[in-house]
Amino acid sequence: MRIFVWRNIVYVSMLSCLAALTLDAATQKKPSEKQTVENAELLQPPSFGGQSVEVAVALYVTDFVAIDETKETFEVSGYLTAKWKDPRLAWPIATTDQKKRGYRLGEIWAPSIESANTISHKAMQYWLTADKDGVVTYVERFDSIVSNNFDFRRFPFDTQLLRLEFHTFFTSDEDVRFAFQPLPSTGISRDRDTELSGWSSGEVKYTVDRVRGGLNLPSTNEAVFQIAMKRRSGFYIWKILVPLVMLALIPGVVFWIDAEMFDWLLKIPMTMMLSMVAFEFTIARDLPRIGYVSFLDAVFLASFTLCFLCIFEILGVFLLQKHGKRERAVKLHRMGRWAYPLTYLLVIALLALGFLA
């Protein structure tokens, strides 16, 4: 009898639990049509009265990974921050003690900010929050390889401007516009691992430009961050320029040798010309491949030209002696003792004035 009673009690308990679970599932409310509409509205730009949404941005660089002068690209890591106001996300102070609420992309509207000159972009992590006033903050940690225009006319004493151009993808400037001032977090980390050994970085400059629309693309504006990178020229001075100048000045010793020794006179500048050709081939991999003349190219050309003219001077002296005009040949040969080095140094000074001034 007791077994029967306990069995009934167990059955009744199980039926009660099952009924409670069924009732709880039945009483759970599905999202109402009104809530669905509100969620869809949160994915639309928070523009009121026809005014565009102002988005303030910041770029904080944590690492300059590399600058590839051959491919005209650079790789950079850092944080991209964007702020805008969405009054629909504000809540009363008394509602909760929470200062910020976190969201995921796709839950609320966010501007689709993309870099226009990026070759590859990798977003590591992101944070999307809104405070009680409806101010939304988006922070993204990224690593990008960016295409850039370089000007090497002053090489190796050049300063390059690294540009990162951010657009609001497929959004017209009537809907979204960038603020004219960057956020205070804009800058460059001063950790020792940030800098590159061959470059020193300057300040980050920020501008806003308007971009005309193209095929099926609306007119928009862009936020441009520019970073001035000054080349550290010590490597090129001591490893290239100084040896090159020394090679170019060595042929000047021929003017201190008797003009009758034509064979020895001719060997010296010819040897130096071949040495400069070999030297240029050796360092070619460390030089940017450009279609115009840089300062270093001009110095190489001047060095080759002076050696070439030295050979013609030796030939002229030889012909004068052959025709019995030794006195004139010796006088001309001695003039080169000071004319050659002074002319070379003057040409280098004029090139420096023309390229670097």
Protein backbone atom coordinates (compact mmCIF):
# COMPACT_ATOMS: atom_id res chain seq x y z
CA MET A 1 0.00 0.00 0.00
CA ARG A 2 2.79 2.37 0.85
CA ILE A 3 4.47 1.66 -2.48
CA PHE A 4 1.27 2.55 -4.29
CA VAL A 5 0.95 5.84 -2.39
CA TRP A 6 4.53 6.86 -3.09
CA ARG A 7 4.14 5.96 -6.74
CA ASN A 8 1.10 8.23 -7.01
CA ILE A 9 2.98 11.05 -5.32
CA VAL A 10 5.84 10.74 -7.83
CA TYR A 11 3.44 10.70 -10.77
CA VAL A 12 1.61 13.78 -9.51
CA SER A 13 4.91 15.64 -9.01
CA MET A 14 6.09 14.83 -12.53
CA LEU A 15 2.79 15.95 -14.01
CA SER A 16 2.95 19.19 -12.01
CA CYS A 17 6.48 19.97 -13.28
CA LEU A 18 5.48 19.20 -16.86
CA ALA A 19 2.44 21.44 -16.57
CA ALA A 20 4.54 24.27 -15.11
CA LEU A 21 7.09 24.05 -17.94
CA THR A 22 4.34 24.01 -20.56
CA LEU A 23 2.67 27.02 -18.98
CA ASP A 24 5.99 28.92 -18.80
CA ALA A 25 6.74 28.25 -22.48
CA ALA A 26 3.27 29.31 -23.46
CA THR A 27 3.48 32.54 -21.49
CA GLN A 28 6.80 33.60 -23.06
CA LYS A 29 6.10 36.48 -25.39
CA LYS A 30 7.53 36.64 -28.83
CA PRO A 31 8.99 39.98 -29.97
CA SER A 32 6.11 42.19 -30.84
CA GLU A 33 5.76 43.82 -34.21
CA LYS A 34 6.50 47.16 -32.57
CA GLN A 35 9.82 45.91 -31.16
CA THR A 36 10.79 44.49 -34.55
CA VAL A 37 10.13 47.87 -36.18
CA GLU A 38 12.16 49.66 -33.49
CA ASN A 39 15.11 47.31 -34.01
CA ALA A 40 14.96 47.91 -37.76
CA GLU A 41 14.90 51.68 -37.18
CA LEU A 42 18.07 51.45 -35.07
CA LEU A 43 19.90 50.22 -38.17
CA GLN A 44 19.06 53.46 -40.02
CA PRO A 45 21.23 56.62 -39.72
CA PRO A 46 20.14 58.81 -36.77
CA SER A 47 19.60 61.88 -38.95
CA PHE A 48 16.88 64.25 -37.79
CA GLY A 49 15.46 67.19 -39.68
CA GLY A 50 17.45 66.34 -42.79
CA GLN A 51 20.78 66.96 -41.03
CA SER A 52 23.72 64.66 -41.69
CA VAL A 53 25.31 62.65 -38.90
CA GLU A 54 28.64 64.12 -37.79
CA VAL A 55 31.27 61.47 -37.13
CA ALA A 56 34.49 62.40 -35.31
CA VAL A 57 37.43 60.06 -35.90
CA ALA A 58 40.87 59.44 -34.45
CA LEU A 59 43.93 57.46 -35.53
CA TYR A 60 46.39 56.20 -32.94
CA VAL A 61 49.43 54.44 -34.42
CA THR A 62 51.05 51.78 -32.27
CA ASP A 63 53.56 50.38 -34.75
CA PHE A 64 55.11 51.24 -38.11
CA VAL A 65 55.74 47.73 -39.38
CA ALA A 66 57.51 48.52 -42.66
CA ILE A 67 57.88 51.04 -45.48
CA ASP A 68 58.39 49.36 -48.87
CA GLU A 69 59.86 51.96 -51.22
CA THR A 70 59.95 49.57 -54.19
CA LYS A 71 56.23 48.72 -54.02
CA GLU A 72 55.35 52.20 -52.66
CA THR A 73 53.43 50.79 -49.72
CA PHE A 74 53.65 50.92 -45.94
CA GLU A 75 52.27 48.70 -43.18
CA VAL A 76 50.90 50.21 -39.99
CA SER A 77 49.11 48.97 -36.87
CA GLY A 78 46.99 50.98 -34.51
CA TYR A 79 43.52 51.97 -33.31
CA LEU A 80 40.79 53.65 -35.34
CA THR A 81 38.17 55.44 -33.22
CA ALA A 82 34.86 56.93 -34.35
CA LYS A 83 32.27 58.84 -32.30
CA TRP A 84 28.78 60.03 -33.18
CA LYS A 85 25.53 60.77 -31.38
CA ASP A 86 22.42 58.61 -31.63
CA PRO A 87 19.66 60.02 -29.36
CA ARG A 88 17.66 56.82 -29.82
CA LEU A 89 20.19 54.98 -27.64
CA ALA A 90 20.00 57.41 -24.70
CA TRP A 91 18.31 56.28 -21.48
CA PRO A 92 17.21 58.02 -18.24
CA ILE A 93 19.79 58.26 -15.50
CA ALA A 94 17.54 56.57 -12.96
CA THR A 95 17.01 53.57 -15.21
CA THR A 96 20.30 51.88 -14.34
CA ASP A 97 23.66 52.54 -12.75
CA GLN A 98 25.40 51.29 -15.88
CA LYS A 99 27.49 54.02 -17.53
CA LYS A 100 27.79 52.39 -20.96
CA ARG A 101 26.09 49.68 -22.91
CA GLY A 102 27.86 47.36 -25.30
CA TYR A 103 26.58 46.42 -28.74
CA ARG A 104 27.58 44.31 -31.69
CA LEU A 105 27.87 45.49 -35.26
CA GLY A 106 24.51 44.89 -36.88
CA GLU A 107 22.51 45.64 -33.74
CA ILE A 108 22.65 49.43 -34.14
CA TRP A 109 23.59 51.80 -36.95
CA ALA A 110 27.30 52.47 -37.44
CA PRO A 111 29.04 54.30 -40.30
CA SER A 112 30.84 51.96 -42.69
CA ILE A 113 34.26 53.61 -42.50
CA GLU A 114 36.83 52.11 -44.85
CA SER A 115 40.28 53.14 -46.01
CA ALA A 116 40.28 54.17 -49.67
CA ASN A 117 43.98 53.45 -50.28
CA THR A 118 44.28 50.21 -48.32
CA ILE A 119 45.59 47.10 -50.07
CA SER A 120 44.76 44.77 -47.18
CA HIS A 121 43.06 45.48 -43.87
CA LYS A 122 42.78 43.17 -40.88
CA ALA A 123 40.56 44.11 -37.94
CA MET A 124 41.84 42.39 -34.79
CA GLN A 125 39.15 43.41 -32.29
CA TYR A 126 36.50 46.09 -31.90
CA TRP A 127 34.43 47.75 -29.17
CA LEU A 128 31.04 49.38 -29.78
CA THR A 129 29.46 51.19 -26.82
CA ALA A 130 26.87 53.90 -26.14
CA ASP A 131 26.58 56.06 -23.02
CA LYS A 132 23.46 57.43 -21.31
CA ASP A 133 23.48 60.52 -23.58
CA GLY A 134 23.43 58.43 -26.74
CA VAL A 135 27.08 59.10 -27.66
CA VAL A 136 28.31 56.02 -29.53
CA THR A 137 32.00 55.07 -29.56
CA TYR A 138 33.52 52.58 -31.97
CA VAL A 139 37.14 51.48 -31.47
CA GLU A 140 38.90 49.07 -33.82
CA ARG A 141 42.36 47.59 -33.52
CA PHE A 142 43.75 47.01 -37.00
CA ASP A 143 46.74 46.14 -39.15
CA SER A 144 46.81 47.55 -42.70
CA ILE A 145 49.02 47.59 -45.76
CA VAL A 146 48.45 50.94 -47.46
CA SER A 147 49.34 52.19 -50.94
CA ASN A 148 51.06 55.58 -50.94
CA ASN A 149 52.64 58.07 -53.33
CA PHE A 150 56.32 58.71 -52.57
CA ASP A 151 58.52 61.55 -53.82
CA PHE A 152 62.19 60.54 -53.93
CA ARG A 153 63.65 63.62 -55.64
CA ARG A 154 65.51 64.58 -52.43
CA PHE A 155 66.60 60.99 -51.71
CA PRO A 156 68.39 60.15 -49.42
CA PHE A 157 67.51 63.38 -47.57
CA ASP A 158 63.79 63.09 -48.23
CA THR A 159 60.69 63.37 -46.06
CA GLN A 160 57.67 61.27 -47.03
CA LEU A 161 54.01 61.87 -46.22
CA LEU A 162 52.15 58.69 -45.31
CA ARG A 163 48.43 59.12 -46.04
CA LEU A 164 45.52 57.12 -44.68
CA GLU A 165 42.28 58.12 -46.41
CA PHE A 166 39.02 57.04 -44.79
CA HIS A 167 35.65 57.14 -46.61
CA THR A 168 32.13 56.31 -45.53
CA PHE A 169 31.51 53.49 -47.97
CA PHE A 170 28.49 53.99 -50.25
CA THR A 171 27.16 56.81 -48.04
CA SER A 172 26.63 60.33 -49.37
CA ASP A 173 27.81 63.42 -47.52
CA GLU A 174 24.14 64.34 -47.05
CA ASP A 175 23.79 61.41 -44.63
CA VAL A 176 27.20 61.27 -42.96
CA ARG A 177 30.01 63.81 -42.69
CA PHE A 178 33.33 63.77 -40.87
CA ALA A 179 34.03 66.33 -38.15
CA PHE A 180 36.55 69.04 -39.00
CA GLN A 181 38.60 68.29 -35.87
CA PRO A 182 39.98 64.87 -34.90
CA LEU A 183 39.38 63.23 -31.54
CA PRO A 184 41.98 63.93 -28.83
CA SER A 185 43.26 60.35 -28.95
CA THR A 186 44.87 61.00 -32.37
CA GLY A 187 48.62 60.49 -32.27
CA ILE A 188 51.56 58.09 -32.36
CA SER A 189 52.78 55.82 -29.61
CA ARG A 190 56.24 56.82 -28.40
CA ASP A 191 57.28 53.32 -27.39
CA ARG A 192 60.70 52.31 -28.64
CA ASP A 193 59.18 49.52 -30.75
CA THR A 194 56.99 51.93 -32.73
CA GLU A 195 59.68 53.62 -34.82
CA LEU A 196 61.53 52.17 -37.79
CA SER A 197 65.33 52.21 -37.71
CA GLY A 198 65.57 54.13 -40.97
CA TRP A 199 62.82 56.70 -40.31
CA SER A 200 61.73 59.20 -37.68
CA SER A 201 58.04 60.08 -37.45
CA GLY A 202 56.48 63.49 -37.00
CA GLU A 203 53.03 64.56 -35.87
CA VAL A 204 49.75 63.30 -37.28
CA LYS A 205 47.88 65.92 -39.32
CA TYR A 206 44.17 65.67 -40.03
CA THR A 207 42.12 67.16 -42.87
CA VAL A 208 38.67 66.62 -44.35
CA ASP A 209 38.24 66.63 -48.13
CA ARG A 210 35.25 66.19 -50.40
CA VAL A 211 35.28 63.34 -52.90
CA ARG A 212 33.21 63.47 -56.05
CA GLY A 213 31.01 60.53 -56.84
CA GLY A 214 31.63 58.20 -59.75
CA LEU A 215 29.68 55.44 -61.44
CA ASN A 216 26.83 54.48 -59.10
CA LEU A 217 28.75 56.07 -56.21
CA PRO A 218 27.46 59.13 -54.33
CA SER A 219 29.60 62.16 -53.53
CA THR A 220 31.11 61.80 -50.09
CA ASN A 221 33.81 63.24 -47.89
CA GLU A 222 36.97 61.69 -46.57
CA ALA A 223 39.03 61.99 -43.43
CA VAL A 224 42.74 62.12 -44.25
CA PHE A 225 45.48 61.44 -41.72
CA GLN A 226 48.99 62.46 -42.81
CA ILE A 227 52.16 61.40 -41.02
CA ALA A 228 55.48 63.01 -41.96
CA MET A 229 58.31 60.47 -41.98
CA LYS A 230 61.85 61.85 -42.20
CA ARG A 231 64.52 59.47 -43.45
CA ARG A 232 67.55 58.90 -41.26
CA SER A 233 70.28 59.50 -43.85
CA GLY A 234 73.33 58.29 -41.91
CA PHE A 235 73.43 54.92 -43.68
CA TYR A 236 73.41 56.51 -47.14
CA ILE A 237 75.95 59.20 -46.20
CA TRP A 238 78.61 56.88 -44.80
CA LYS A 239 77.96 53.80 -46.93
CA ILE A 240 77.24 55.41 -50.32
CA LEU A 241 77.89 59.15 -50.65
CA VAL A 242 81.28 59.35 -48.92
CA PRO A 243 82.76 56.29 -50.76
CA LEU A 244 81.33 57.60 -54.04
CA VAL A 245 82.93 61.03 -53.60
CA MET A 246 86.25 59.39 -52.74
CA LEU A 247 86.09 57.20 -55.86
CA ALA A 248 85.31 60.24 -57.99
CA LEU A 249 88.22 62.27 -56.57
CA ILE A 250 90.85 59.55 -57.04
CA PRO A 251 91.26 60.27 -60.80
CA GLY A 252 92.55 63.71 -59.76
CA VAL A 253 95.95 62.13 -59.00
CA VAL A 254 96.62 61.79 -62.75
CA PHE A 255 97.25 65.54 -62.92
CA TRP A 256 100.24 65.08 -60.59
CA ILE A 257 101.84 62.44 -62.85
CA ASP A 258 104.07 63.28 -65.80
CA ALA A 259 102.02 63.84 -68.94
CA GLU A 260 104.29 61.49 -70.91
CA MET A 261 103.07 58.42 -68.96
CA PHE A 262 99.95 58.04 -71.07
CA ASP A 263 99.43 54.37 -70.21
CA TRP A 264 99.33 54.95 -66.44
CA LEU A 265 97.33 58.14 -66.79
CA LEU A 266 94.58 56.34 -68.67
CA LYS A 267 94.42 53.33 -66.35
CA ILE A 268 93.46 55.33 -63.25
CA PRO A 269 90.20 56.99 -64.42
CA MET A 270 89.18 53.88 -66.36
CA THR A 271 89.63 51.75 -63.23
CA MET A 272 87.63 54.22 -61.15
CA MET A 273 84.80 54.28 -63.68
CA LEU A 274 84.56 50.49 -63.59
CA SER A 275 84.67 50.60 -59.79
CA MET A 276 81.79 53.08 -59.70
CA VAL A 277 79.75 50.90 -62.05
CA ALA A 278 80.32 47.87 -59.80
CA PHE A 279 79.54 49.98 -56.73
CA GLU A 280 76.26 51.16 -58.24
CA PHE A 281 75.20 47.59 -59.06
CA THR A 282 76.02 46.52 -55.50
CA ILE A 283 73.85 49.15 -53.82
CA ALA A 284 71.02 49.09 -56.40
CA ARG A 285 68.88 46.80 -54.23
CA ASP A 286 68.90 49.40 -51.43
CA LEU A 287 67.73 52.22 -53.71
CA PRO A 288 64.15 53.07 -54.77
CA ARG A 289 63.34 52.19 -58.38
CA ILE A 290 61.99 55.41 -59.82
CA GLY A 291 61.57 56.88 -63.29
CA TYR A 292 63.04 60.30 -62.48
CA VAL A 293 66.38 61.60 -61.22
CA SER A 294 66.92 61.85 -57.48
CA PHE A 295 69.71 63.73 -55.71
CA LEU A 296 71.75 60.54 -55.33
CA ASP A 297 71.27 59.73 -59.03
CA ALA A 298 72.53 63.20 -59.92
CA VAL A 299 75.64 62.72 -57.76
CA PHE A 300 76.35 59.42 -59.52
CA LEU A 301 75.94 61.06 -62.93
CA ALA A 302 78.24 63.94 -61.95
CA SER A 303 80.89 61.47 -60.75
CA PHE A 304 80.73 59.47 -63.99
CA THR A 305 80.86 62.66 -66.07
CA LEU A 306 83.96 64.04 -64.31
CA CYS A 307 85.80 60.73 -64.74
CA PHE A 308 84.77 60.68 -68.39
CA LEU A 309 86.05 64.25 -68.92
CA CYS A 310 89.29 63.31 -67.17
CA ILE A 311 89.88 60.64 -69.83
CA PHE A 312 89.35 63.23 -72.58
CA GLU A 313 91.83 65.58 -70.88
CA ILE A 314 94.46 62.83 -70.86
CA LEU A 315 93.81 62.15 -74.54
CA GLY A 316 94.13 65.86 -75.36
CA VAL A 317 97.43 66.15 -73.50
CA PHE A 318 98.74 63.07 -75.32
CA LEU A 319 97.83 64.51 -78.74
CA LEU A 320 99.46 67.86 -77.92
CA GLN A 321 102.69 66.10 -77.00
CA LYS A 322 102.52 63.96 -80.11
CA HIS A 323 102.36 67.10 -82.24
CA GLY A 324 105.37 68.66 -80.49
CA LYS A 325 103.42 71.00 -78.16
CA ARG A 326 104.72 69.61 -74.89
CA GLU A 327 104.89 72.97 -73.10
CA ARG A 328 101.20 73.64 -73.73
CA ALA A 329 100.38 70.03 -72.78
CA VAL A 330 102.21 70.29 -69.45
CA LYS A 331 100.56 73.63 -68.66
CA LEU A 332 97.10 72.22 -69.42
CA HIS A 333 97.83 69.09 -67.40
CA ARG A 334 98.91 71.08 -64.31
CA MET A 335 95.76 73.20 -64.41
CA GLY A 336 93.74 70.10 -63.72
CA ARG A 337 95.40 69.59 -60.32
CA TRP A 338 93.00 72.08 -58.72
CA ALA A 339 90.43 72.48 -61.46
CA TYR A 340 89.28 68.84 -61.25
CA PRO A 341 88.49 68.58 -57.50
CA LEU A 342 87.13 72.13 -57.28
CA THR A 343 84.87 71.59 -60.29
CA TYR A 344 83.58 68.32 -58.85
CA LEU A 345 82.85 69.80 -55.43
CA LEU A 346 81.20 72.84 -57.04
CA VAL A 347 78.93 70.58 -59.10
CA ILE A 348 77.96 68.62 -55.96
CA ALA A 349 77.18 71.89 -54.16
CA LEU A 350 75.00 73.09 -57.05
CA LEU A 351 73.17 69.76 -57.11
CA ALA A 352 72.54 69.98 -53.37
CA LEU A 353 71.25 73.52 -53.81
CA GLY A 354 68.97 72.49 -56.66
CA PHE A 355 67.57 69.30 -55.11
CA LEU A 356 67.61 69.99 -51.38
CA ALA A 357 67.04 73.72 -51.02
